[in-house]
Amino acid sequence: MPINKDEMMKHLDHVTYPASKEDFMAACNRMEHVTEGEKKWMMDNLPDKTYNSADEVKQALGV
């Protein structure tokens, strides 16, 4: 099953900022509809830092 990056990016607006990579992964783990493949993609592609907005996350992921 391919990763739906656009669908994943919609969830970034529901995260409280500032947020670290660990915060994002914890949020992903709480979302039932996020697949294991999507979680792995986020873990592998999101640089380990603190983000101040969803736009910063999108830019870091190249989306």
PDB file of N, CA and C in Angstrom:
ATOM      1  N   MET A   1       0.844  -1.191   0.000  1.00  0.00           N
ATOM      2  CA  MET A   1       0.000   0.000   0.000  1.00  0.00           C
ATOM      3  C   MET A   1       0.884   1.248   0.000  1.00  0.00           C
ATOM      4  N   PRO A   2       0.719   2.121  -0.962  1.00  0.00           N
ATOM      5  CA  PRO A   2       1.549   3.339  -1.004  1.00  0.00           C
ATOM      6  C   PRO A   2       1.178   4.306   0.123  1.00  0.00           C
ATOM      7  N   ILE A   3       2.150   5.109   0.510  1.00  0.00           N
ATOM      8  CA  ILE A   3       1.954   6.116   1.548  1.00  0.00           C
ATOM      9  C   ILE A   3       1.196   7.294   0.947  1.00  0.00           C
ATOM     10  N   ASN A   4       0.118   7.721   1.595  1.00  0.00           N
ATOM     11  CA  ASN A   4      -0.638   8.887   1.159  1.00  0.00           C
ATOM     12  C   ASN A   4      -0.116  10.091   1.939  1.00  0.00           C
ATOM     13  N   LYS A   5       0.912  10.737   1.405  1.00  0.00           N
ATOM     14  CA  LYS A   5       1.572  11.852   2.098  1.00  0.00           C
ATOM     15  C   LYS A   5       0.625  13.034   2.295  1.00  0.00           C
ATOM     16  N   ASP A   6      -0.225  13.299   1.311  1.00  0.00           N
ATOM     17  CA  ASP A   6      -1.168  14.415   1.442  1.00  0.00           C
ATOM     18  C   ASP A   6      -2.111  14.189   2.611  1.00  0.00           C
ATOM     19  N   GLU A   7      -2.588  12.971   2.751  1.00  0.00           N
ATOM     20  CA  GLU A   7      -3.497  12.651   3.855  1.00  0.00           C
ATOM     21  C   GLU A   7      -2.772  12.778   5.198  1.00  0.00           C
ATOM     22  N   MET A   8      -1.537  12.324   5.254  1.00  0.00           N
ATOM     23  CA  MET A   8      -0.753  12.434   6.493  1.00  0.00           C
ATOM     24  C   MET A   8      -0.531  13.889   6.870  1.00  0.00           C
ATOM     25  N   MET A   9      -0.292  14.747   5.894  1.00  0.00           N
ATOM     26  CA  MET A   9      -0.005  16.156   6.169  1.00  0.00           C
ATOM     27  C   MET A   9      -1.206  16.865   6.788  1.00  0.00           C
ATOM     28  N   LYS A  10      -2.416  16.399   6.485  1.00  0.00           N
ATOM     29  CA  LYS A  10      -3.612  16.997   7.075  1.00  0.00           C
ATOM     30  C   LYS A  10      -3.606  16.880   8.599  1.00  0.00           C
ATOM     31  N   HIS A  11      -2.987  15.840   9.114  1.00  0.00           N
ATOM     32  CA  HIS A  11      -2.975  15.599  10.555  1.00  0.00           C
ATOM     33  C   HIS A  11      -2.007  16.519  11.291  1.00  0.00           C
ATOM     34  N   LEU A  12      -1.103  17.143  10.567  1.00  0.00           N
ATOM     35  CA  LEU A  12      -0.125  18.022  11.218  1.00  0.00           C
ATOM     36  C   LEU A  12      -0.783  19.227  11.865  1.00  0.00           C
ATOM     37  N   ASP A  13      -1.933  19.620  11.362  1.00  0.00           N
ATOM     38  CA  ASP A  13      -2.638  20.768  11.930  1.00  0.00           C
ATOM     39  C   ASP A  13      -3.253  20.444  13.291  1.00  0.00           C
ATOM     40  N   HIS A  14      -3.294  19.159  13.655  1.00  0.00           N
ATOM     41  CA  HIS A  14      -3.896  18.746  14.919  1.00  0.00           C
ATOM     42  C   HIS A  14      -2.852  18.512  16.010  1.00  0.00           C
ATOM     43  N   VAL A  15      -1.625  18.875  15.730  1.00  0.00           N
ATOM     44  CA  VAL A  15      -0.536  18.729  16.694  1.00  0.00           C
ATOM     45  C   VAL A  15      -0.320  20.078  17.373  1.00  0.00           C
ATOM     46  N   THR A  16      -0.037  20.068  18.669  1.00  0.00           N
ATOM     47  CA  THR A  16       0.240  21.302  19.398  1.00  0.00           C
ATOM     48  C   THR A  16       1.703  21.673  19.204  1.00  0.00           C
ATOM     49  N   TYR A  17       1.931  22.909  18.784  1.00  0.00           N
ATOM     50  CA  TYR A  17       3.283  23.402  18.519  1.00  0.00           C
ATOM     51  C   TYR A  17       3.731  24.305  19.638  1.00  0.00           C
ATOM     52  N   PRO A  18       5.037  24.370  19.928  1.00  0.00           N
ATOM     53  CA  PRO A  18       6.117  23.642  19.249  1.00  0.00           C
ATOM     54  C   PRO A  18       6.038  22.147  19.553  1.00  0.00           C
ATOM     55  N   ALA A  19       6.547  21.352  18.620  1.00  0.00           N
ATOM     56  CA  ALA A  19       6.506  19.898  18.739  1.00  0.00           C
ATOM     57  C   ALA A  19       7.802  19.299  18.194  1.00  0.00           C
ATOM     58  N   SER A  20       8.297  18.320  18.895  1.00  0.00           N
ATOM     59  CA  SER A  20       9.514  17.625  18.477  1.00  0.00           C
ATOM     60  C   SER A  20       9.153  16.418  17.614  1.00  0.00           C
ATOM     61  N   LYS A  21      10.152  15.796  17.043  1.00  0.00           N
ATOM     62  CA  LYS A  21       9.928  14.564  16.289  1.00  0.00           C
ATOM     63  C   LYS A  21       9.274  13.528  17.194  1.00  0.00           C
ATOM     64  N   GLU A  22       9.718  13.447  18.445  1.00  0.00           N
ATOM     65  CA  GLU A  22       9.120  12.496  19.397  1.00  0.00           C
ATOM     66  C   GLU A  22       7.642  12.790  19.602  1.00  0.00           C
ATOM     67  N   ASP A  23       7.286  14.071  19.669  1.00  0.00           N
ATOM     68  CA  ASP A  23       5.879  14.452  19.821  1.00  0.00           C
ATOM     69  C   ASP A  23       5.061  13.976  18.621  1.00  0.00           C
ATOM     70  N   PHE A  24       5.610  14.148  17.417  1.00  0.00           N
ATOM     71  CA  PHE A  24       4.906  13.709  16.216  1.00  0.00           C
ATOM     72  C   PHE A  24       4.723  12.200  16.199  1.00  0.00           C
ATOM     73  N   MET A  25       5.757  11.481  16.577  1.00  0.00           N
ATOM     74  CA  MET A  25       5.650  10.029  16.563  1.00  0.00           C
ATOM     75  C   MET A  25       4.636   9.554  17.608  1.00  0.00           C
ATOM     76  N   ALA A  26       4.599  10.202  18.759  1.00  0.00           N
ATOM     77  CA  ALA A  26       3.609   9.851  19.785  1.00  0.00           C
ATOM     78  C   ALA A  26       2.199  10.115  19.253  1.00  0.00           C
ATOM     79  N   ALA A  27       2.021  11.251  18.568  1.00  0.00           N
ATOM     80  CA  ALA A  27       0.712  11.567  17.988  1.00  0.00           C
ATOM     81  C   ALA A  27       0.327  10.538  16.935  1.00  0.00           C
ATOM     82  N   CYS A  28       1.261  10.167  16.075  1.00  0.00           N
ATOM     83  CA  CYS A  28       0.985   9.157  15.042  1.00  0.00           C
ATOM     84  C   CYS A  28       0.568   7.836  15.681  1.00  0.00           C
ATOM     85  N   ASN A  29       1.236   7.470  16.750  1.00  0.00           N
ATOM     86  CA  ASN A  29       0.928   6.204  17.419  1.00  0.00           C
ATOM     87  C   ASN A  29      -0.458   6.207  18.051  1.00  0.00           C
ATOM     88  N   ARG A  30      -1.000   7.384  18.368  1.00  0.00           N
ATOM     89  CA  ARG A  30      -2.344   7.476  18.943  1.00  0.00           C
ATOM     90  C   ARG A  30      -3.433   7.485  17.877  1.00  0.00           C
ATOM     91  N   MET A  31      -3.064   7.716  16.628  1.00  0.00           N
ATOM     92  CA  MET A  31      -4.049   7.796  15.537  1.00  0.00           C
ATOM     93  C   MET A  31      -4.249   6.414  14.931  1.00  0.00           C
ATOM     94  N   GLU A  32      -5.451   5.880  15.113  1.00  0.00           N
ATOM     95  CA  GLU A  32      -5.751   4.529  14.625  1.00  0.00           C
ATOM     96  C   GLU A  32      -5.664   4.397  13.111  1.00  0.00           C
ATOM     97  N   HIS A  33      -5.982   5.456  12.386  1.00  0.00           N
ATOM     98  CA  HIS A  33      -6.034   5.383  10.927  1.00  0.00           C
ATOM     99  C   HIS A  33      -4.673   5.585  10.261  1.00  0.00           C
ATOM    100  N   VAL A  34      -3.620   5.866  11.033  1.00  0.00           N
ATOM    101  CA  VAL A  34      -2.274   5.997  10.466  1.00  0.00           C
ATOM    102  C   VAL A  34      -1.662   4.600  10.427  1.00  0.00           C
ATOM    103  N   THR A  35      -1.291   4.162   9.242  1.00  0.00           N
ATOM    104  CA  THR A  35      -0.774   2.801   9.077  1.00  0.00           C
ATOM    105  C   THR A  35       0.661   2.681   9.602  1.00  0.00           C
ATOM    106  N   GLU A  36       1.097   1.464   9.793  1.00  0.00           N
ATOM    107  CA  GLU A  36       2.479   1.224  10.217  1.00  0.00           C
ATOM    108  C   GLU A  36       3.454   1.744   9.165  1.00  0.00           C
ATOM    109  N   GLY A  37       3.101   1.603   7.888  1.00  0.00           N
ATOM    110  CA  GLY A  37       3.953   2.113   6.814  1.00  0.00           C
ATOM    111  C   GLY A  37       4.085   3.628   6.865  1.00  0.00           C
ATOM    112  N   GLU A  38       2.984   4.309   7.162  1.00  0.00           N
ATOM    113  CA  GLU A  38       3.012   5.770   7.272  1.00  0.00           C
ATOM    114  C   GLU A  38       3.840   6.204   8.483  1.00  0.00           C
ATOM    115  N   LYS A  39       3.700   5.487   9.578  1.00  0.00           N
ATOM    116  CA  LYS A  39       4.496   5.789  10.773  1.00  0.00           C
ATOM    117  C   LYS A  39       5.980   5.611  10.478  1.00  0.00           C
ATOM    118  N   LYS A  40       6.321   4.528   9.784  1.00  0.00           N
ATOM    119  CA  LYS A  40       7.716   4.273   9.449  1.00  0.00           C
ATOM    120  C   LYS A  40       8.251   5.363   8.523  1.00  0.00           C
ATOM    121  N   TRP A  41       7.441   5.772   7.537  1.00  0.00           N
ATOM    122  CA  TRP A  41       7.864   6.822   6.621  1.00  0.00           C
ATOM    123  C   TRP A  41       8.158   8.105   7.392  1.00  0.00           C
ATOM    124  N   MET A  42       7.276   8.473   8.305  1.00  0.00           N
ATOM    125  CA  MET A  42       7.468   9.686   9.107  1.00  0.00           C
ATOM    126  C   MET A  42       8.734   9.556   9.946  1.00  0.00           C
ATOM    127  N   MET A  43       8.924   8.420  10.577  1.00  0.00           N
ATOM    128  CA  MET A  43      10.102   8.196  11.427  1.00  0.00           C
ATOM    129  C   MET A  43      11.386   8.300  10.602  1.00  0.00           C
ATOM    130  N   ASP A  44      11.376   7.736   9.410  1.00  0.00           N
ATOM    131  CA  ASP A  44      12.565   7.718   8.557  1.00  0.00           C
ATOM    132  C   ASP A  44      12.865   9.067   7.895  1.00  0.00           C
ATOM    133  N   ASN A  45      11.843   9.897   7.701  1.00  0.00           N
ATOM    134  CA  ASN A  45      12.015  11.112   6.900  1.00  0.00           C
ATOM    135  C   ASN A  45      11.962  12.428   7.662  1.00  0.00           C
ATOM    136  N   LEU A  46      11.427  12.425   8.864  1.00  0.00           N
ATOM    137  CA  LEU A  46      11.328  13.667   9.619  1.00  0.00           C
ATOM    138  C   LEU A  46      12.614  13.908  10.400  1.00  0.00           C
ATOM    139  N   PRO A  47      13.321  14.996  10.114  1.00  0.00           N
ATOM    140  CA  PRO A  47      14.545  15.305  10.857  1.00  0.00           C
ATOM    141  C   PRO A  47      14.246  15.507  12.349  1.00  0.00           C
ATOM    142  N   ASP A  48      15.184  15.115  13.170  1.00  0.00           N
ATOM    143  CA  ASP A  48      15.037  15.172  14.627  1.00  0.00           C
ATOM    144  C   ASP A  48      15.307  16.586  15.120  1.00  0.00           C
ATOM    145  N   LYS A  49      14.232  17.370  15.288  1.00  0.00           N
ATOM    146  CA  LYS A  49      14.331  18.731  15.801  1.00  0.00           C
ATOM    147  C   LYS A  49      12.960  19.148  16.306  1.00  0.00           C
ATOM    148  N   THR A  50      12.858  20.358  16.805  1.00  0.00           N
ATOM    149  CA  THR A  50      11.577  20.891  17.267  1.00  0.00           C
ATOM    150  C   THR A  50      11.025  21.822  16.193  1.00  0.00           C
ATOM    151  N   TYR A  51       9.732  21.689  15.910  1.00  0.00           N
ATOM    152  CA  TYR A  51       9.051  22.447  14.870  1.00  0.00           C
ATOM    153  C   TYR A  51       8.056  23.407  15.501  1.00  0.00           C
ATOM    154  N   ASN A  52       7.947  24.601  14.923  1.00  0.00           N
ATOM    155  CA  ASN A  52       7.048  25.623  15.450  1.00  0.00           C
ATOM    156  C   ASN A  52       5.720  25.710  14.717  1.00  0.00           C
ATOM    157  N   SER A  53       5.582  24.981  13.613  1.00  0.00           N
ATOM    158  CA  SER A  53       4.333  25.018  12.849  1.00  0.00           C
ATOM    159  C   SER A  53       4.251  23.810  11.913  1.00  0.00           C
ATOM    160  N   ALA A  54       3.040  23.565  11.437  1.00  0.00           N
ATOM    161  CA  ALA A  54       2.842  22.495  10.459  1.00  0.00           C
ATOM    162  C   ALA A  54       3.609  22.803   9.177  1.00  0.00           C
ATOM    163  N   ASP A  55       3.702  24.081   8.826  1.00  0.00           N
ATOM    164  CA  ASP A  55       4.440  24.455   7.616  1.00  0.00           C
ATOM    165  C   ASP A  55       5.915  24.077   7.715  1.00  0.00           C
ATOM    166  N   GLU A  56       6.507  24.232   8.899  1.00  0.00           N
ATOM    167  CA  GLU A  56       7.919  23.836   9.085  1.00  0.00           C
ATOM    168  C   GLU A  56       8.080  22.333   8.889  1.00  0.00           C
ATOM    169  N   VAL A  57       7.118  21.554   9.361  1.00  0.00           N
ATOM    170  CA  VAL A  57       7.177  20.096   9.208  1.00  0.00           C
ATOM    171  C   VAL A  57       7.057  19.732   7.732  1.00  0.00           C
ATOM    172  N   LYS A  58       6.114  20.339   7.065  1.00  0.00           N
ATOM    173  CA  LYS A  58       5.926  20.068   5.627  1.00  0.00           C
ATOM    174  C   LYS A  58       7.180  20.403   4.837  1.00  0.00           C
ATOM    175  N   GLN A  59       7.806  21.525   5.163  1.00  0.00           N
ATOM    176  CA  GLN A  59       9.033  21.913   4.478  1.00  0.00           C
ATOM    177  C   GLN A  59      10.154  20.903   4.755  1.00  0.00           C
ATOM    178  N   ALA A  60      10.279  20.461   6.009  1.00  0.00           N
ATOM    179  CA  ALA A  60      11.311  19.486   6.364  1.00  0.00           C
ATOM    180  C   ALA A  60      11.110  18.159   5.640  1.00  0.00           C
ATOM    181  N   LEU A  61       9.846  17.808   5.383  1.00  0.00           N
ATOM    182  CA  LEU A  61       9.540  16.549   4.702  1.00  0.00           C
ATOM    183  C   LEU A  61       9.516  16.694   3.187  1.00  0.00           C
ATOM    184  N   GLY A  62       9.624  17.931   2.705  1.00  0.00           N
ATOM    185  CA  GLY A  62       9.611  18.151   1.264  1.00  0.00           C
ATOM    186  C   GLY A  62       8.241  17.923   0.650  1.00  0.00           C
ATOM    187  N   VAL A  63       7.211  18.191   1.427  1.00  0.00           N
ATOM    188  CA  VAL A  63       5.832  17.990   0.941  1.00  0.00           C
ATOM    189  C   VAL A  63       5.202  19.316   0.638  1.00  0.00           C
TER     190      VAL A  63
END
